Amino acid sequence: MAKTAVRSIDLEAIDRLEQKMKQLIGAVTRLRAEQSRLTDENGKLAREHARLAEENGRLADELATSRTRLIDAEGAQGELLALKDERDVIRGRIAEMLRQLDGITV
């Protein structure tokens, strides 16, 4: 009888150990699946980051080009205003010369 009780206790301990091992294996399996999922997600995020970085660079270049064009346009606008002012001065001088010519009698 004592041998049976010892054997029963040993089997219970082995059963508990087996149950814990199964739980541990289950936890390891879940952790590996989670690691695999996270690795895949990390790869996707890295690709998205690279794409966004490339787009950001393209947009920065486009912005720099737009700023250059704006500066050029502002310079052209200043030049255009100067030419219009010069044209008005010339018109005024021509009008004055025409008045003087009208005043001359031949």
PDB file of N, CA and C in Angstrom:
ATOM      1  N   MET A   1       0.814  -1.185   0.000  1.00  0.00           N
ATOM      2  CA  MET A   1       0.000   0.000   0.000  1.00  0.00           C
ATOM      3  C   MET A   1       0.857   1.247   0.000  1.00  0.00           C
ATOM      4  N   ALA A   2       1.927   1.240   0.786  1.00  0.00           N
ATOM      5  CA  ALA A   2       2.804   2.391   0.830  1.00  0.00           C
ATOM      6  C   ALA A   2       3.445   2.608  -0.519  1.00  0.00           C
ATOM      7  N   LYS A   3       3.762   1.525  -1.183  1.00  0.00           N
ATOM      8  CA  LYS A   3       4.356   1.633  -2.494  1.00  0.00           C
ATOM      9  C   LYS A   3       3.367   2.243  -3.478  1.00  0.00           C
ATOM     10  N   THR A   4       2.119   1.907  -3.355  1.00  0.00           N
ATOM     11  CA  THR A   4       1.084   2.434  -4.229  1.00  0.00           C
ATOM     12  C   THR A   4       0.906   3.927  -3.993  1.00  0.00           C
ATOM     13  N   ALA A   5       0.962   4.361  -2.736  1.00  0.00           N
ATOM     14  CA  ALA A   5       0.820   5.782  -2.416  1.00  0.00           C
ATOM     15  C   ALA A   5       1.995   6.572  -2.958  1.00  0.00           C
ATOM     16  N   VAL A   6       3.195   6.011  -2.823  1.00  0.00           N
ATOM     17  CA  VAL A   6       4.386   6.696  -3.342  1.00  0.00           C
ATOM     18  C   VAL A   6       4.289   6.783  -4.858  1.00  0.00           C
ATOM     19  N   ARG A   7       3.866   5.692  -5.470  1.00  0.00           N
ATOM     20  CA  ARG A   7       3.728   5.663  -6.920  1.00  0.00           C
ATOM     21  C   ARG A   7       2.672   6.663  -7.373  1.00  0.00           C
ATOM     22  N   SER A   8       1.590   6.769  -6.646  1.00  0.00           N
ATOM     23  CA  SER A   8       0.515   7.704  -6.953  1.00  0.00           C
ATOM     24  C   SER A   8       1.014   9.140  -6.849  1.00  0.00           C
ATOM     25  N   ILE A   9       1.809   9.418  -5.815  1.00  0.00           N
ATOM     26  CA  ILE A   9       2.365  10.763  -5.638  1.00  0.00           C
ATOM     27  C   ILE A   9       3.334  11.071  -6.758  1.00  0.00           C
ATOM     28  N   ASP A  10       4.174  10.106  -7.112  1.00  0.00           N
ATOM     29  CA  ASP A  10       5.124  10.313  -8.207  1.00  0.00           C
ATOM     30  C   ASP A  10       4.400  10.577  -9.517  1.00  0.00           C
ATOM     31  N   LEU A  11       3.335   9.863  -9.769  1.00  0.00           N
ATOM     32  CA  LEU A  11       2.572  10.058 -11.005  1.00  0.00           C
ATOM     33  C   LEU A  11       1.891  11.426 -11.019  1.00  0.00           C
ATOM     34  N   GLU A  12       1.413  11.848  -9.877  1.00  0.00           N
ATOM     35  CA  GLU A  12       0.791  13.173  -9.805  1.00  0.00           C
ATOM     36  C   GLU A  12       1.828  14.262 -10.108  1.00  0.00           C
ATOM     37  N   ALA A  13       3.014  14.109  -9.561  1.00  0.00           N
ATOM     38  CA  ALA A  13       4.072  15.089  -9.815  1.00  0.00           C
ATOM     39  C   ALA A  13       4.452  15.080 -11.294  1.00  0.00           C
ATOM     40  N   ILE A  14       4.526  13.892 -11.869  1.00  0.00           N
ATOM     41  CA  ILE A  14       4.857  13.786 -13.293  1.00  0.00           C
ATOM     42  C   ILE A  14       3.729  14.374 -14.134  1.00  0.00           C
ATOM     43  N   ASP A  15       2.481  14.132 -13.737  1.00  0.00           N
ATOM     44  CA  ASP A  15       1.335  14.700 -14.457  1.00  0.00           C
ATOM     45  C   ASP A  15       1.358  16.231 -14.400  1.00  0.00           C
ATOM     46  N   ARG A  16       1.660  16.782 -13.224  1.00  0.00           N
ATOM     47  CA  ARG A  16       1.759  18.249 -13.087  1.00  0.00           C
ATOM     48  C   ARG A  16       2.894  18.793 -13.945  1.00  0.00           C
ATOM     49  N   LEU A  17       4.015  18.073 -13.928  1.00  0.00           N
ATOM     50  CA  LEU A  17       5.152  18.487 -14.740  1.00  0.00           C
ATOM     51  C   LEU A  17       4.802  18.431 -16.220  1.00  0.00           C
ATOM     52  N   GLU A  18       4.094  17.380 -16.623  1.00  0.00           N
ATOM     53  CA  GLU A  18       3.674  17.247 -18.020  1.00  0.00           C
ATOM     54  C   GLU A  18       2.737  18.403 -18.403  1.00  0.00           C
ATOM     55  N   GLN A  19       1.820  18.730 -17.525  1.00  0.00           N
ATOM     56  CA  GLN A  19       0.875  19.827 -17.778  1.00  0.00           C
ATOM     57  C   GLN A  19       1.624  21.160 -17.911  1.00  0.00           C
ATOM     58  N   LYS A  20       2.578  21.393 -17.033  1.00  0.00           N
ATOM     59  CA  LYS A  20       3.367  22.623 -17.099  1.00  0.00           C
ATOM     60  C   LYS A  20       4.193  22.681 -18.374  1.00  0.00           C
ATOM     61  N   MET A  21       4.728  21.527 -18.774  1.00  0.00           N
ATOM     62  CA  MET A  21       5.511  21.480 -20.018  1.00  0.00           C
ATOM     63  C   MET A  21       4.619  21.812 -21.221  1.00  0.00           C
ATOM     64  N   LYS A  22       3.407  21.261 -21.222  1.00  0.00           N
ATOM     65  CA  LYS A  22       2.466  21.553 -22.309  1.00  0.00           C
ATOM     66  C   LYS A  22       2.137  23.053 -22.341  1.00  0.00           C
ATOM     67  N   GLN A  23       1.919  23.637 -21.175  1.00  0.00           N
ATOM     68  CA  GLN A  23       1.638  25.073 -21.099  1.00  0.00           C
ATOM     69  C   GLN A  23       2.834  25.879 -21.599  1.00  0.00           C
ATOM     70  N   LEU A  24       4.025  25.449 -21.217  1.00  0.00           N
ATOM     71  CA  LEU A  24       5.241  26.131 -21.650  1.00  0.00           C
ATOM     72  C   LEU A  24       5.406  26.037 -23.167  1.00  0.00           C
ATOM     73  N   ILE A  25       5.167  24.856 -23.707  1.00  0.00           N
ATOM     74  CA  ILE A  25       5.259  24.668 -25.158  1.00  0.00           C
ATOM     75  C   ILE A  25       4.227  25.546 -25.863  1.00  0.00           C
ATOM     76  N   GLY A  26       3.029  25.614 -25.314  1.00  0.00           N
ATOM     77  CA  GLY A  26       1.989  26.479 -25.877  1.00  0.00           C
ATOM     78  C   GLY A  26       2.408  27.946 -25.846  1.00  0.00           C
ATOM     79  N   ALA A  27       2.988  28.371 -24.735  1.00  0.00           N
ATOM     80  CA  ALA A  27       3.436  29.764 -24.607  1.00  0.00           C
ATOM     81  C   ALA A  27       4.548  30.054 -25.605  1.00  0.00           C
ATOM     82  N   VAL A  28       5.501  29.113 -25.739  1.00  0.00           N
ATOM     83  CA  VAL A  28       6.602  29.297 -26.695  1.00  0.00           C
ATOM     84  C   VAL A  28       6.046  29.370 -28.115  1.00  0.00           C
ATOM     85  N   THR A  29       5.083  28.522 -28.443  1.00  0.00           N
ATOM     86  CA  THR A  29       4.470  28.524 -29.773  1.00  0.00           C
ATOM     87  C   THR A  29       3.784  29.858 -30.039  1.00  0.00           C
ATOM     88  N   ARG A  30       3.036  30.359 -29.068  1.00  0.00           N
ATOM     89  CA  ARG A  30       2.366  31.664 -29.210  1.00  0.00           C
ATOM     90  C   ARG A  30       3.382  32.789 -29.369  1.00  0.00           C
ATOM     91  N   LEU A  31       4.444  32.746 -28.579  1.00  0.00           N
ATOM     92  CA  LEU A  31       5.468  33.779 -28.662  1.00  0.00           C
ATOM     93  C   LEU A  31       6.177  33.758 -30.011  1.00  0.00           C
ATOM     94  N   ARG A  32       6.424  32.570 -30.548  1.00  0.00           N
ATOM     95  CA  ARG A  32       7.062  32.471 -31.865  1.00  0.00           C
ATOM     96  C   ARG A  32       6.132  33.018 -32.943  1.00  0.00           C
ATOM     97  N   ALA A  33       4.857  32.690 -32.843  1.00  0.00           N
ATOM     98  CA  ALA A  33       3.886  33.217 -33.816  1.00  0.00           C
ATOM     99  C   ALA A  33       3.819  34.738 -33.726  1.00  0.00           C
ATOM    100  N   GLU A  34       3.811  35.252 -32.512  1.00  0.00           N
ATOM    101  CA  GLU A  34       3.774  36.710 -32.309  1.00  0.00           C
ATOM    102  C   GLU A  34       5.045  37.354 -32.846  1.00  0.00           C
ATOM    103  N   GLN A  35       6.190  36.713 -32.626  1.00  0.00           N
ATOM    104  CA  GLN A  35       7.452  37.246 -33.135  1.00  0.00           C
ATOM    105  C   GLN A  35       7.441  37.264 -34.659  1.00  0.00           C
ATOM    106  N   SER A  36       6.928  36.214 -35.259  1.00  0.00           N
ATOM    107  CA  SER A  36       6.851  36.149 -36.714  1.00  0.00           C
ATOM    108  C   SER A  36       5.947  37.259 -37.250  1.00  0.00           C
ATOM    109  N   ARG A  37       4.790  37.436 -36.610  1.00  0.00           N
ATOM    110  CA  ARG A  37       3.861  38.495 -37.017  1.00  0.00           C
ATOM    111  C   ARG A  37       4.510  39.868 -36.878  1.00  0.00           C
ATOM    112  N   LEU A  38       5.202  40.088 -35.768  1.00  0.00           N
ATOM    113  CA  LEU A  38       5.845  41.377 -35.537  1.00  0.00           C
ATOM    114  C   LEU A  38       6.994  41.615 -36.518  1.00  0.00           C
ATOM    115  N   THR A  39       7.702  40.559 -36.874  1.00  0.00           N
ATOM    116  CA  THR A  39       8.778  40.678 -37.856  1.00  0.00           C
ATOM    117  C   THR A  39       8.202  41.081 -39.216  1.00  0.00           C
ATOM    118  N   ASP A  40       7.094  40.435 -39.598  1.00  0.00           N
ATOM    119  CA  ASP A  40       6.431  40.800 -40.855  1.00  0.00           C
ATOM    120  C   ASP A  40       5.953  42.250 -40.827  1.00  0.00           C
ATOM    121  N   GLU A  41       5.337  42.627 -39.721  1.00  0.00           N
ATOM    122  CA  GLU A  41       4.836  43.998 -39.583  1.00  0.00           C
ATOM    123  C   GLU A  41       5.994  45.001 -39.614  1.00  0.00           C
ATOM    124  N   ASN A  42       7.103  44.635 -38.978  1.00  0.00           N
ATOM    125  CA  ASN A  42       8.278  45.501 -38.982  1.00  0.00           C
ATOM    126  C   ASN A  42       8.803  45.691 -40.408  1.00  0.00           C
ATOM    127  N   GLY A  43       8.812  44.610 -41.194  1.00  0.00           N
ATOM    128  CA  GLY A  43       9.242  44.700 -42.590  1.00  0.00           C
ATOM    129  C   GLY A  43       8.332  45.617 -43.392  1.00  0.00           C
ATOM    130  N   LYS A  44       7.029  45.477 -43.177  1.00  0.00           N
ATOM    131  CA  LYS A  44       6.066  46.342 -43.879  1.00  0.00           C
ATOM    132  C   LYS A  44       6.288  47.801 -43.490  1.00  0.00           C
ATOM    133  N   LEU A  45       6.482  48.032 -42.215  1.00  0.00           N
ATOM    134  CA  LEU A  45       6.695  49.400 -41.739  1.00  0.00           C
ATOM    135  C   LEU A  45       8.004  49.974 -42.280  1.00  0.00           C
ATOM    136  N   ALA A  46       9.026  49.147 -42.378  1.00  0.00           N
ATOM    137  CA  ALA A  46      10.311  49.610 -42.920  1.00  0.00           C
ATOM    138  C   ALA A  46      10.154  49.988 -44.390  1.00  0.00           C
ATOM    139  N   ARG A  47       9.401  49.172 -45.151  1.00  0.00           N
ATOM    140  CA  ARG A  47       9.164  49.501 -46.560  1.00  0.00           C
ATOM    141  C   ARG A  47       8.349  50.787 -46.691  1.00  0.00           C
ATOM    142  N   GLU A  48       7.340  50.929 -45.842  1.00  0.00           N
ATOM    143  CA  GLU A  48       6.518  52.146 -45.864  1.00  0.00           C
ATOM    144  C   GLU A  48       7.364  53.368 -45.498  1.00  0.00           C
ATOM    145  N   HIS A  49       8.242  53.195 -44.518  1.00  0.00           N
ATOM    146  CA  HIS A  49       9.128  54.294 -44.118  1.00  0.00           C
ATOM    147  C   HIS A  49      10.030  54.694 -45.276  1.00  0.00           C
ATOM    148  N   ALA A  50      10.587  53.711 -45.971  1.00  0.00           N
ATOM    149  CA  ALA A  50      11.462  54.000 -47.112  1.00  0.00           C
ATOM    150  C   ALA A  50      10.693  54.724 -48.212  1.00  0.00           C
ATOM    151  N   ARG A  51       9.461  54.276 -48.465  1.00  0.00           N
ATOM    152  CA  ARG A  51       8.637  54.929 -49.491  1.00  0.00           C
ATOM    153  C   ARG A  51       8.322  56.372 -49.107  1.00  0.00           C
ATOM    154  N   LEU A  52       7.973  56.570 -47.841  1.00  0.00           N
ATOM    155  CA  LEU A  52       7.650  57.919 -47.381  1.00  0.00           C
ATOM    156  C   LEU A  52       8.890  58.819 -47.368  1.00  0.00           C
ATOM    157  N   ALA A  53      10.036  58.254 -47.036  1.00  0.00           N
ATOM    158  CA  ALA A  53      11.273  59.037 -47.061  1.00  0.00           C
ATOM    159  C   ALA A  53      11.589  59.466 -48.492  1.00  0.00           C
ATOM    160  N   GLU A  54      11.383  58.553 -49.434  1.00  0.00           N
ATOM    161  CA  GLU A  54      11.615  58.885 -50.842  1.00  0.00           C
ATOM    162  C   GLU A  54      10.642  59.967 -51.302  1.00  0.00           C
ATOM    163  N   GLU A  55       9.379  59.826 -50.925  1.00  0.00           N
ATOM    164  CA  GLU A  55       8.381  60.834 -51.290  1.00  0.00           C
ATOM    165  C   GLU A  55       8.706  62.174 -50.631  1.00  0.00           C
ATOM    166  N   ASN A  56       9.157  62.121 -49.393  1.00  0.00           N
ATOM    167  CA  ASN A  56       9.533  63.348 -48.690  1.00  0.00           C
ATOM    168  C   ASN A  56      10.683  64.053 -49.419  1.00  0.00           C
ATOM    169  N   GLY A  57      11.668  63.281 -49.880  1.00  0.00           N
ATOM    170  CA  GLY A  57      12.775  63.858 -50.639  1.00  0.00           C
ATOM    171  C   GLY A  57      12.296  64.478 -51.943  1.00  0.00           C
ATOM    172  N   ARG A  58      11.388  63.766 -52.624  1.00  0.00           N
ATOM    173  CA  ARG A  58      10.835  64.285 -53.877  1.00  0.00           C
ATOM    174  C   ARG A  58      10.078  65.590 -53.625  1.00  0.00           C
ATOM    175  N   LEU A  59       9.288  65.611 -52.572  1.00  0.00           N
ATOM    176  CA  LEU A  59       8.527  66.821 -52.246  1.00  0.00           C
ATOM    177  C   LEU A  59       9.446  67.971 -51.821  1.00  0.00           C
ATOM    178  N   ALA A  60      10.523  67.651 -51.125  1.00  0.00           N
ATOM    179  CA  ALA A  60      11.487  68.693 -50.741  1.00  0.00           C
ATOM    180  C   ALA A  60      12.138  69.294 -51.986  1.00  0.00           C
ATOM    181  N   ASP A  61      12.479  68.434 -52.956  1.00  0.00           N
ATOM    182  CA  ASP A  61      13.044  68.931 -54.217  1.00  0.00           C
ATOM    183  C   ASP A  61      12.025  69.794 -54.955  1.00  0.00           C
ATOM    184  N   GLU A  62      10.779  69.342 -54.971  1.00  0.00           N
ATOM    185  CA  GLU A  62       9.722  70.100 -55.643  1.00  0.00           C
ATOM    186  C   GLU A  62       9.516  71.454 -54.967  1.00  0.00           C
ATOM    187  N   LEU A  63       9.582  71.467 -53.648  1.00  0.00           N
ATOM    188  CA  LEU A  63       9.435  72.722 -52.905  1.00  0.00           C
ATOM    189  C   LEU A  63      10.582  73.673 -53.226  1.00  0.00           C
ATOM    190  N   ALA A  64      11.802  73.147 -53.272  1.00  0.00           N
ATOM    191  CA  ALA A  64      12.962  73.980 -53.594  1.00  0.00           C
ATOM    192  C   ALA A  64      12.825  74.552 -55.001  1.00  0.00           C
ATOM    193  N   THR A  65      12.359  73.741 -55.938  1.00  0.00           N
ATOM    194  CA  THR A  65      12.149  74.211 -57.305  1.00  0.00           C
ATOM    195  C   THR A  65      11.076  75.301 -57.335  1.00  0.00           C
ATOM    196  N   SER A  66      10.006  75.104 -56.591  1.00  0.00           N
ATOM    197  CA  SER A  66       8.930  76.100 -56.541  1.00  0.00           C
ATOM    198  C   SER A  66       9.417  77.409 -55.930  1.00  0.00           C
ATOM    199  N   ARG A  67      10.233  77.300 -54.906  1.00  0.00           N
ATOM    200  CA  ARG A  67      10.766  78.520 -54.287  1.00  0.00           C
ATOM    201  C   ARG A  67      11.659  79.273 -55.269  1.00  0.00           C
ATOM    202  N   THR A  68      12.473  78.536 -56.017  1.00  0.00           N
ATOM    203  CA  THR A  68      13.335  79.160 -57.016  1.00  0.00           C
ATOM    204  C   THR A  68      12.495  79.841 -58.074  1.00  0.00           C
ATOM    205  N   ARG A  69      11.447  79.163 -58.528  1.00  0.00           N
ATOM    206  CA  ARG A  69      10.562  79.762 -59.541  1.00  0.00           C
ATOM    207  C   ARG A  69       9.877  81.008 -58.993  1.00  0.00           C
ATOM    208  N   LEU A  70       9.489  80.981 -57.732  1.00  0.00           N
ATOM    209  CA  LEU A  70       8.851  82.136 -57.118  1.00  0.00           C
ATOM    210  C   LEU A  70       9.814  83.316 -57.074  1.00  0.00           C
ATOM    211  N   ILE A  71      11.048  83.056 -56.679  1.00  0.00           N
ATOM    212  CA  ILE A  71      12.051  84.122 -56.634  1.00  0.00           C
ATOM    213  C   ILE A  71      12.270  84.692 -58.025  1.00  0.00           C
ATOM    214  N   ASP A  72      12.360  83.806 -59.029  1.00  0.00           N
ATOM    215  CA  ASP A  72      12.519  84.262 -60.411  1.00  0.00           C
ATOM    216  C   ASP A  72      11.326  85.095 -60.852  1.00  0.00           C
ATOM    217  N   ALA A  73      10.113  84.645 -60.490  1.00  0.00           N
ATOM    218  CA  ALA A  73       8.898  85.376 -60.862  1.00  0.00           C
ATOM    219  C   ALA A  73       8.864  86.744 -60.188  1.00  0.00           C
ATOM    220  N   GLU A  74       9.274  86.798 -58.926  1.00  0.00           N
ATOM    221  CA  GLU A  74       9.302  88.090 -58.232  1.00  0.00           C
ATOM    222  C   GLU A  74      10.310  89.031 -58.891  1.00  0.00           C
ATOM    223  N   GLY A  75      11.456  88.470 -59.311  1.00  0.00           N
ATOM    224  CA  GLY A  75      12.451  89.283 -60.014  1.00  0.00           C
ATOM    225  C   GLY A  75      11.907  89.778 -61.346  1.00  0.00           C
ATOM    226  N   ALA A  76      11.213  88.898 -62.072  1.00  0.00           N
ATOM    227  CA  ALA A  76      10.622  89.280 -63.354  1.00  0.00           C
ATOM    228  C   ALA A  76       9.552  90.336 -63.152  1.00  0.00           C
ATOM    229  N   GLN A  77       8.794  90.234 -62.074  1.00  0.00           N
ATOM    230  CA  GLN A  77       7.760  91.225 -61.787  1.00  0.00           C
ATOM    231  C   GLN A  77       8.401  92.593 -61.529  1.00  0.00           C
ATOM    232  N   GLY A  78       9.483  92.603 -60.789  1.00  0.00           N
ATOM    233  CA  GLY A  78      10.185  93.875 -60.544  1.00  0.00           C
ATOM    234  C   GLY A  78      10.716  94.465 -61.839  1.00  0.00           C
ATOM    235  N   GLU A  79      11.267  93.602 -62.687  1.00  0.00           N
ATOM    236  CA  GLU A  79      11.782  94.065 -63.977  1.00  0.00           C
ATOM    237  C   GLU A  79      10.642  94.587 -64.847  1.00  0.00           C
ATOM    238  N   LEU A  80       9.511  93.905 -64.826  1.00  0.00           N
ATOM    239  CA  LEU A  80       8.346  94.340 -65.601  1.00  0.00           C
ATOM    240  C   LEU A  80       7.859  95.701 -65.130  1.00  0.00           C
ATOM    241  N   LEU A  81       7.801  95.915 -63.825  1.00  0.00           N
ATOM    242  CA  LEU A  81       7.384  97.223 -63.300  1.00  0.00           C
ATOM    243  C   LEU A  81       8.365  98.319 -63.720  1.00  0.00           C
ATOM    244  N   ALA A  82       9.660  97.998 -63.700  1.00  0.00           N
ATOM    245  CA  ALA A  82      10.657  98.979 -64.118  1.00  0.00           C
ATOM    246  C   ALA A  82      10.481  99.317 -65.596  1.00  0.00           C
ATOM    247  N   LEU A  83      10.220  98.312 -66.438  1.00  0.00           N
ATOM    248  CA  LEU A  83       9.996  98.562 -67.863  1.00  0.00           C
ATOM    249  C   LEU A  83       8.730  99.375 -68.101  1.00  0.00           C
ATOM    250  N   LYS A  84       7.673  99.112 -67.341  1.00  0.00           N
ATOM    251  CA  LYS A  84       6.440  99.901 -67.477  1.00  0.00           C
ATOM    252  C   LYS A  84       6.684 101.353 -67.091  1.00  0.00           C
ATOM    253  N   ASP A  85       7.444 101.568 -66.013  1.00  0.00           N
ATOM    254  CA  ASP A  85       7.768 102.934 -65.605  1.00  0.00           C
ATOM    255  C   ASP A  85       8.577 103.629 -66.690  1.00  0.00           C
ATOM    256  N   GLU A  86       9.544 102.914 -67.252  1.00  0.00           N
ATOM    257  CA  GLU A  86      10.365 103.480 -68.320  1.00  0.00           C
ATOM    258  C   GLU A  86       9.507 103.813 -69.536  1.00  0.00           C
ATOM    259  N   ARG A  87       8.566 102.931 -69.857  1.00  0.00           N
ATOM    260  CA  ARG A  87       7.657 103.181 -70.982  1.00  0.00           C
ATOM    261  C   ARG A  87       6.829 104.438 -70.737  1.00  0.00           C
ATOM    262  N   ASP A  88       6.337 104.611 -69.509  1.00  0.00           N
ATOM    263  CA  ASP A  88       5.551 105.803 -69.190  1.00  0.00           C
ATOM    264  C   ASP A  88       6.394 107.066 -69.326  1.00  0.00           C
ATOM    265  N   VAL A  89       7.659 107.003 -68.919  1.00  0.00           N
ATOM    266  CA  VAL A  89       8.557 108.158 -69.056  1.00  0.00           C
ATOM    267  C   VAL A  89       8.760 108.480 -70.533  1.00  0.00           C
ATOM    268  N   ILE A  90       8.977 107.441 -71.329  1.00  0.00           N
ATOM    269  CA  ILE A  90       9.184 107.650 -72.767  1.00  0.00           C
ATOM    270  C   ILE A  90       7.931 108.223 -73.404  1.00  0.00           C
ATOM    271  N   ARG A  91       6.762 107.718 -73.042  1.00  0.00           N
ATOM    272  CA  ARG A  91       5.503 108.258 -73.562  1.00  0.00           C
ATOM    273  C   ARG A  91       5.374 109.744 -73.227  1.00  0.00           C
ATOM    274  N   GLY A  92       5.709 110.047 -71.993  1.00  0.00           N
ATOM    275  CA  GLY A  92       5.619 111.464 -71.581  1.00  0.00           C
ATOM    276  C   GLY A  92       6.565 112.331 -72.394  1.00  0.00           C
ATOM    277  N   ARG A  93       7.772 111.848 -72.628  1.00  0.00           N
ATOM    278  CA  ARG A  93       8.750 112.619 -73.409  1.00  0.00           C
ATOM    279  C   ARG A  93       8.287 112.761 -74.858  1.00  0.00           C
ATOM    280  N   ILE A  94       7.728 111.682 -75.422  1.00  0.00           N
ATOM    281  CA  ILE A  94       7.238 111.754 -76.806  1.00  0.00           C
ATOM    282  C   ILE A  94       6.065 112.717 -76.892  1.00  0.00           C
ATOM    283  N   ALA A  95       5.167 112.666 -75.923  1.00  0.00           N
ATOM    284  CA  ALA A  95       4.028 113.590 -75.919  1.00  0.00           C
ATOM    285  C   ALA A  95       4.521 115.029 -75.850  1.00  0.00           C
ATOM    286  N   GLU A  96       5.531 115.286 -75.048  1.00  0.00           N
ATOM    287  CA  GLU A  96       6.101 116.634 -74.942  1.00  0.00           C
ATOM    288  C   GLU A  96       6.721 117.052 -76.266  1.00  0.00           C
ATOM    289  N   MET A  97       7.452 116.134 -76.927  1.00  0.00           N
ATOM    290  CA  MET A  97       8.064 116.466 -78.220  1.00  0.00           C
ATOM    291  C   MET A  97       6.987 116.745 -79.266  1.00  0.00           C
ATOM    292  N   LEU A  98       5.896 115.971 -79.235  1.00  0.00           N
ATOM    293  CA  LEU A  98       4.809 116.206 -80.195  1.00  0.00           C
ATOM    294  C   LEU A  98       4.152 117.562 -79.952  1.00  0.00           C
ATOM    295  N   ARG A  99       4.008 117.956 -78.712  1.00  0.00           N
ATOM    296  CA  ARG A  99       3.450 119.289 -78.406  1.00  0.00           C
ATOM    297  C   ARG A  99       4.389 120.371 -78.930  1.00  0.00           C
ATOM    298  N   GLN A 100       5.664 120.151 -78.751  1.00  0.00           N
ATOM    299  CA  GLN A 100       6.631 121.140 -79.239  1.00  0.00           C
ATOM    300  C   GLN A 100       6.605 121.204 -80.773  1.00  0.00           C
ATOM    301  N   LEU A 101       6.459 120.048 -81.422  1.00  0.00           N
ATOM    302  CA  LEU A 101       6.386 120.037 -82.875  1.00  0.00           C
ATOM    303  C   LEU A 101       5.110 120.736 -83.363  1.00  0.00           C
ATOM    304  N   ASP A 102       4.015 120.523 -82.640  1.00  0.00           N
ATOM    305  CA  ASP A 102       2.769 121.211 -83.000  1.00  0.00           C
ATOM    306  C   ASP A 102       2.926 122.724 -82.839  1.00  0.00           C
ATOM    307  N   GLY A 103       3.747 123.118 -81.925  1.00  0.00           N
ATOM    308  CA  GLY A 103       3.956 124.555 -81.679  1.00  0.00           C
ATOM    309  C   GLY A 103       4.843 125.208 -82.714  1.00  0.00           C
ATOM    310  N   ILE A 104       5.607 124.419 -83.430  1.00  0.00           N
ATOM    311  CA  ILE A 104       6.488 124.970 -84.468  1.00  0.00           C
ATOM    312  C   ILE A 104       5.668 125.143 -85.730  1.00  0.00           C
ATOM    313  N   THR A 105       5.760 126.278 -86.281  1.00  0.00           N
ATOM    314  CA  THR A 105       5.060 126.534 -87.538  1.00  0.00           C
ATOM    315  C   THR A 105       6.078 126.588 -88.653  1.00  0.00           C
ATOM    316  N   VAL A 106       5.797 125.897 -89.650  1.00  0.00           N
ATOM    317  CA  VAL A 106       6.705 125.842 -90.777  1.00  0.00           C
ATOM    318  C   VAL A 106       6.302 126.799 -91.849  1.00  0.00           C
TER     319      VAL A 106
END
